[in-house]
Amino acid sequence: MQIKKIALYILVTFVLYTIITSPKRAADLVHVGFEGISSAAKGVGNFMTELVN
């Protein structure tokens, strides 16, 4: 359980460091992440539509 807590702290620290030192790059990374999620959801939607048809 300690390892998970330490990993979470490291991840949060890295995210905050990235946002503080380079907000434009952080915004770009978030944008890319949301594009990926959107593409994945669209793919799942297309797959489900084909299953129904």
PDB file of N, CA and C in Angstrom:
ATOM      1  N   MET A   1       0.819  -1.194   0.000  1.00  0.00           N
ATOM      2  CA  MET A   1       0.000   0.000   0.000  1.00  0.00           C
ATOM      3  C   MET A   1       0.864   1.260   0.000  1.00  0.00           C
ATOM      4  N   GLN A   2       1.996   1.207   0.686  1.00  0.00           N
ATOM      5  CA  GLN A   2       2.908   2.346   0.719  1.00  0.00           C
ATOM      6  C   GLN A   2       3.418   2.683  -0.678  1.00  0.00           C
ATOM      7  N   ILE A   3       3.686   1.670  -1.484  1.00  0.00           N
ATOM      8  CA  ILE A   3       4.233   1.903  -2.819  1.00  0.00           C
ATOM      9  C   ILE A   3       3.231   2.665  -3.674  1.00  0.00           C
ATOM     10  N   LYS A   4       1.955   2.317  -3.570  1.00  0.00           N
ATOM     11  CA  LYS A   4       0.920   3.027  -4.334  1.00  0.00           C
ATOM     12  C   LYS A   4       0.857   4.487  -3.910  1.00  0.00           C
ATOM     13  N   LYS A   5       0.946   4.735  -2.624  1.00  0.00           N
ATOM     14  CA  LYS A   5       0.882   6.099  -2.109  1.00  0.00           C
ATOM     15  C   LYS A   5       2.082   6.912  -2.587  1.00  0.00           C
ATOM     16  N   ILE A   6       3.260   6.314  -2.548  1.00  0.00           N
ATOM     17  CA  ILE A   6       4.473   6.997  -3.004  1.00  0.00           C
ATOM     18  C   ILE A   6       4.391   7.274  -4.503  1.00  0.00           C
ATOM     19  N   ALA A   7       3.922   6.297  -5.279  1.00  0.00           N
ATOM     20  CA  ALA A   7       3.785   6.482  -6.726  1.00  0.00           C
ATOM     21  C   ALA A   7       2.798   7.604  -7.034  1.00  0.00           C
ATOM     22  N   LEU A   8       1.717   7.676  -6.291  1.00  0.00           N
ATOM     23  CA  LEU A   8       0.726   8.736  -6.493  1.00  0.00           C
ATOM     24  C   LEU A   8       1.336  10.099  -6.192  1.00  0.00           C
ATOM     25  N   TYR A   9       2.086  10.208  -5.104  1.00  0.00           N
ATOM     26  CA  TYR A   9       2.744  11.469  -4.775  1.00  0.00           C
ATOM     27  C   TYR A   9       3.733  11.880  -5.861  1.00  0.00           C
ATOM     28  N   ILE A  10       4.487  10.930  -6.377  1.00  0.00           N
ATOM     29  CA  ILE A  10       5.445  11.232  -7.441  1.00  0.00           C
ATOM     30  C   ILE A  10       4.710  11.709  -8.692  1.00  0.00           C
ATOM     31  N   LEU A  11       3.621  11.045  -9.043  1.00  0.00           N
ATOM     32  CA  LEU A  11       2.842  11.430 -10.225  1.00  0.00           C
ATOM     33  C   LEU A  11       2.263  12.836 -10.058  1.00  0.00           C
ATOM     34  N   VAL A  12       1.686  13.114  -8.904  1.00  0.00           N
ATOM     35  CA  VAL A  12       1.112  14.443  -8.651  1.00  0.00           C
ATOM     36  C   VAL A  12       2.198  15.513  -8.695  1.00  0.00           C
ATOM     37  N   THR A  13       3.339  15.225  -8.110  1.00  0.00           N
ATOM     38  CA  THR A  13       4.454  16.168  -8.131  1.00  0.00           C
ATOM     39  C   THR A  13       4.918  16.435  -9.550  1.00  0.00           C
ATOM     40  N   PHE A  14       5.021  15.390 -10.361  1.00  0.00           N
ATOM     41  CA  PHE A  14       5.442  15.551 -11.749  1.00  0.00           C
ATOM     42  C   PHE A  14       4.436  16.400 -12.529  1.00  0.00           C
ATOM     43  N   VAL A  15       3.149  16.125 -12.340  1.00  0.00           N
ATOM     44  CA  VAL A  15       2.117  16.884 -13.047  1.00  0.00           C
ATOM     45  C   VAL A  15       2.178  18.353 -12.651  1.00  0.00           C
ATOM     46  N   LEU A  16       2.262  18.620 -11.363  1.00  0.00           N
ATOM     47  CA  LEU A  16       2.348  20.012 -10.911  1.00  0.00           C
ATOM     48  C   LEU A  16       3.607  20.696 -11.425  1.00  0.00           C
ATOM     49  N   TYR A  17       4.727  20.005 -11.407  1.00  0.00           N
ATOM     50  CA  TYR A  17       5.981  20.559 -11.925  1.00  0.00           C
ATOM     51  C   TYR A  17       5.848  20.904 -13.405  1.00  0.00           C
ATOM     52  N   THR A  18       5.230  19.993 -14.180  1.00  0.00           N
ATOM     53  CA  THR A  18       5.051  20.237 -15.611  1.00  0.00           C
ATOM     54  C   THR A  18       4.154  21.438 -15.858  1.00  0.00           C
ATOM     55  N   ILE A  19       3.072  21.544 -15.101  1.00  0.00           N
ATOM     56  CA  ILE A  19       2.146  22.662 -15.282  1.00  0.00           C
ATOM     57  C   ILE A  19       2.813  23.987 -14.917  1.00  0.00           C
ATOM     58  N   ILE A  20       3.566  23.990 -13.847  1.00  0.00           N
ATOM     59  CA  ILE A  20       4.197  25.235 -13.386  1.00  0.00           C
ATOM     60  C   ILE A  20       5.320  25.669 -14.321  1.00  0.00           C
ATOM     61  N   THR A  21       6.152  24.732 -14.748  1.00  0.00           N
ATOM     62  CA  THR A  21       7.321  25.103 -15.555  1.00  0.00           C
ATOM     63  C   THR A  21       6.986  25.314 -17.022  1.00  0.00           C
ATOM     64  N   SER A  22       5.964  24.631 -17.526  1.00  0.00           N
ATOM     65  CA  SER A  22       5.635  24.756 -18.942  1.00  0.00           C
ATOM     66  C   SER A  22       4.127  24.594 -19.149  1.00  0.00           C
ATOM     67  N   PRO A  23       3.366  25.641 -18.869  1.00  0.00           N
ATOM     68  CA  PRO A  23       1.913  25.512 -18.979  1.00  0.00           C
ATOM     69  C   PRO A  23       1.439  25.238 -20.405  1.00  0.00           C
ATOM     70  N   LYS A  24       2.138  25.782 -21.408  1.00  0.00           N
ATOM     71  CA  LYS A  24       1.720  25.537 -22.795  1.00  0.00           C
ATOM     72  C   LYS A  24       1.894  24.068 -23.149  1.00  0.00           C
ATOM     73  N   ARG A  25       3.005  23.485 -22.765  1.00  0.00           N
ATOM     74  CA  ARG A  25       3.233  22.057 -23.043  1.00  0.00           C
ATOM     75  C   ARG A  25       2.217  21.201 -22.286  1.00  0.00           C
ATOM     76  N   ALA A  26       1.920  21.562 -21.047  1.00  0.00           N
ATOM     77  CA  ALA A  26       0.937  20.813 -20.270  1.00  0.00           C
ATOM     78  C   ALA A  26      -0.428  20.871 -20.943  1.00  0.00           C
ATOM     79  N   ALA A  27      -0.799  22.043 -21.451  1.00  0.00           N
ATOM     80  CA  ALA A  27      -2.078  22.176 -22.146  1.00  0.00           C
ATOM     81  C   ALA A  27      -2.089  21.328 -23.413  1.00  0.00           C
ATOM     82  N   ASP A  28      -0.970  21.297 -24.125  1.00  0.00           N
ATOM     83  CA  ASP A  28      -0.876  20.459 -25.326  1.00  0.00           C
ATOM     84  C   ASP A  28      -1.041  18.985 -24.980  1.00  0.00           C
ATOM     85  N   LEU A  29      -0.416  18.549 -23.892  1.00  0.00           N
ATOM     86  CA  LEU A  29      -0.532  17.151 -23.484  1.00  0.00           C
ATOM     87  C   LEU A  29      -1.967  16.790 -23.102  1.00  0.00           C
ATOM     88  N   VAL A  30      -2.642  17.699 -22.406  1.00  0.00           N
ATOM     89  CA  VAL A  30      -4.041  17.452 -22.047  1.00  0.00           C
ATOM     90  C   VAL A  30      -4.895  17.381 -23.299  1.00  0.00           C
ATOM     91  N   HIS A  31      -4.632  18.270 -24.241  1.00  0.00           N
ATOM     92  CA  HIS A  31      -5.380  18.275 -25.500  1.00  0.00           C
ATOM     93  C   HIS A  31      -5.194  16.962 -26.245  1.00  0.00           C
ATOM     94  N   VAL A  32      -3.968  16.487 -26.327  1.00  0.00           N
ATOM     95  CA  VAL A  32      -3.689  15.209 -26.990  1.00  0.00           C
ATOM     96  C   VAL A  32      -4.381  14.065 -26.264  1.00  0.00           C
ATOM     97  N   GLY A  33      -4.359  14.103 -24.952  1.00  0.00           N
ATOM     98  CA  GLY A  33      -5.023  13.063 -24.168  1.00  0.00           C
ATOM     99  C   GLY A  33      -6.515  13.008 -24.427  1.00  0.00           C
ATOM    100  N   PHE A  34      -7.149  14.175 -24.459  1.00  0.00           N
ATOM    101  CA  PHE A  34      -8.588  14.204 -24.708  1.00  0.00           C
ATOM    102  C   PHE A  34      -8.914  13.802 -26.144  1.00  0.00           C
ATOM    103  N   GLU A  35      -8.048  14.139 -27.091  1.00  0.00           N
ATOM    104  CA  GLU A  35      -8.256  13.679 -28.467  1.00  0.00           C
ATOM    105  C   GLU A  35      -8.199  12.157 -28.531  1.00  0.00           C
ATOM    106  N   GLY A  36      -7.267  11.569 -27.807  1.00  0.00           N
ATOM    107  CA  GLY A  36      -7.159  10.111 -27.769  1.00  0.00           C
ATOM    108  C   GLY A  36      -8.393   9.464 -27.162  1.00  0.00           C
ATOM    109  N   ILE A  37      -8.878  10.028 -26.072  1.00  0.00           N
ATOM    110  CA  ILE A  37     -10.084   9.494 -25.437  1.00  0.00           C
ATOM    111  C   ILE A  37     -11.273   9.636 -26.375  1.00  0.00           C
ATOM    112  N   SER A  38     -11.362  10.776 -27.044  1.00  0.00           N
ATOM    113  CA  SER A  38     -12.460  11.008 -27.985  1.00  0.00           C
ATOM    114  C   SER A  38     -12.415  10.013 -29.142  1.00  0.00           C
ATOM    115  N   SER A  39     -11.229   9.774 -29.667  1.00  0.00           N
ATOM    116  CA  SER A  39     -11.085   8.816 -30.766  1.00  0.00           C
ATOM    117  C   SER A  39     -11.452   7.405 -30.314  1.00  0.00           C
ATOM    118  N   ALA A  40     -11.044   7.041 -29.126  1.00  0.00           N
ATOM    119  CA  ALA A  40     -11.368   5.715 -28.594  1.00  0.00           C
ATOM    120  C   ALA A  40     -12.872   5.563 -28.412  1.00  0.00           C
ATOM    121  N   ALA A  41     -13.528   6.582 -27.876  1.00  0.00           N
ATOM    122  CA  ALA A  41     -14.979   6.525 -27.687  1.00  0.00           C
ATOM    123  C   ALA A  41     -15.698   6.438 -29.029  1.00  0.00           C
ATOM    124  N   LYS A  42     -15.197   7.171 -30.001  1.00  0.00           N
ATOM    125  CA  LYS A  42     -15.796   7.125 -31.343  1.00  0.00           C
ATOM    126  C   LYS A  42     -15.645   5.734 -31.943  1.00  0.00           C
ATOM    127  N   GLY A  43     -14.484   5.122 -31.753  1.00  0.00           N
ATOM    128  CA  GLY A  43     -14.248   3.770 -32.249  1.00  0.00           C
ATOM    129  C   GLY A  43     -15.170   2.756 -31.590  1.00  0.00           C
ATOM    130  N   VAL A  44     -15.358   2.883 -30.281  1.00  0.00           N
ATOM    131  CA  VAL A  44     -16.269   1.985 -29.573  1.00  0.00           C
ATOM    132  C   VAL A  44     -17.696   2.192 -30.076  1.00  0.00           C
ATOM    133  N   GLY A  45     -18.074   3.439 -30.293  1.00  0.00           N
ATOM    134  CA  GLY A  45     -19.410   3.735 -30.823  1.00  0.00           C
ATOM    135  C   GLY A  45     -19.617   3.129 -32.193  1.00  0.00           C
ATOM    136  N   ASN A  46     -18.620   3.252 -33.050  1.00  0.00           N
ATOM    137  CA  ASN A  46     -18.719   2.654 -34.391  1.00  0.00           C
ATOM    138  C   ASN A  46     -18.821   1.135 -34.297  1.00  0.00           C
ATOM    139  N   PHE A  47     -18.055   0.537 -33.411  1.00  0.00           N
ATOM    140  CA  PHE A  47     -18.087  -0.912 -33.232  1.00  0.00           C
ATOM    141  C   PHE A  47     -19.463  -1.371 -32.765  1.00  0.00           C
ATOM    142  N   MET A  48     -20.018  -0.675 -31.778  1.00  0.00           N
ATOM    143  CA  MET A  48     -21.344  -1.032 -31.268  1.00  0.00           C
ATOM    144  C   MET A  48     -22.413  -0.849 -32.339  1.00  0.00           C
ATOM    145  N   THR A  49     -22.292   0.207 -33.142  1.00  0.00           N
ATOM    146  CA  THR A  49     -23.252   0.420 -34.231  1.00  0.00           C
ATOM    147  C   THR A  49     -23.195  -0.716 -35.227  1.00  0.00           C
ATOM    148  N   GLU A  50     -21.999  -1.163 -35.557  1.00  0.00           N
ATOM    149  CA  GLU A  50     -21.868  -2.276 -36.500  1.00  0.00           C
ATOM    150  C   GLU A  50     -22.415  -3.573 -35.914  1.00  0.00           C
ATOM    151  N   LEU A  51     -22.259  -3.750 -34.605  1.00  0.00           N
ATOM    152  CA  LEU A  51     -22.818  -4.956 -33.974  1.00  0.00           C
ATOM    153  C   LEU A  51     -24.334  -4.975 -34.050  1.00  0.00           C
ATOM    154  N   VAL A  52     -24.939  -3.816 -33.837  1.00  0.00           N
ATOM    155  CA  VAL A  52     -26.396  -3.709 -33.871  1.00  0.00           C
ATOM    156  C   VAL A  52     -26.909  -3.929 -35.291  1.00  0.00           C
ATOM    157  N   ASN A  53     -26.194  -3.405 -36.259  1.00  0.00           N
ATOM    158  CA  ASN A  53     -26.629  -3.566 -37.659  1.00  0.00           C
ATOM    159  C   ASN A  53     -26.311  -4.971 -38.088  1.00  0.00           C
TER     160      ASN A  53
END
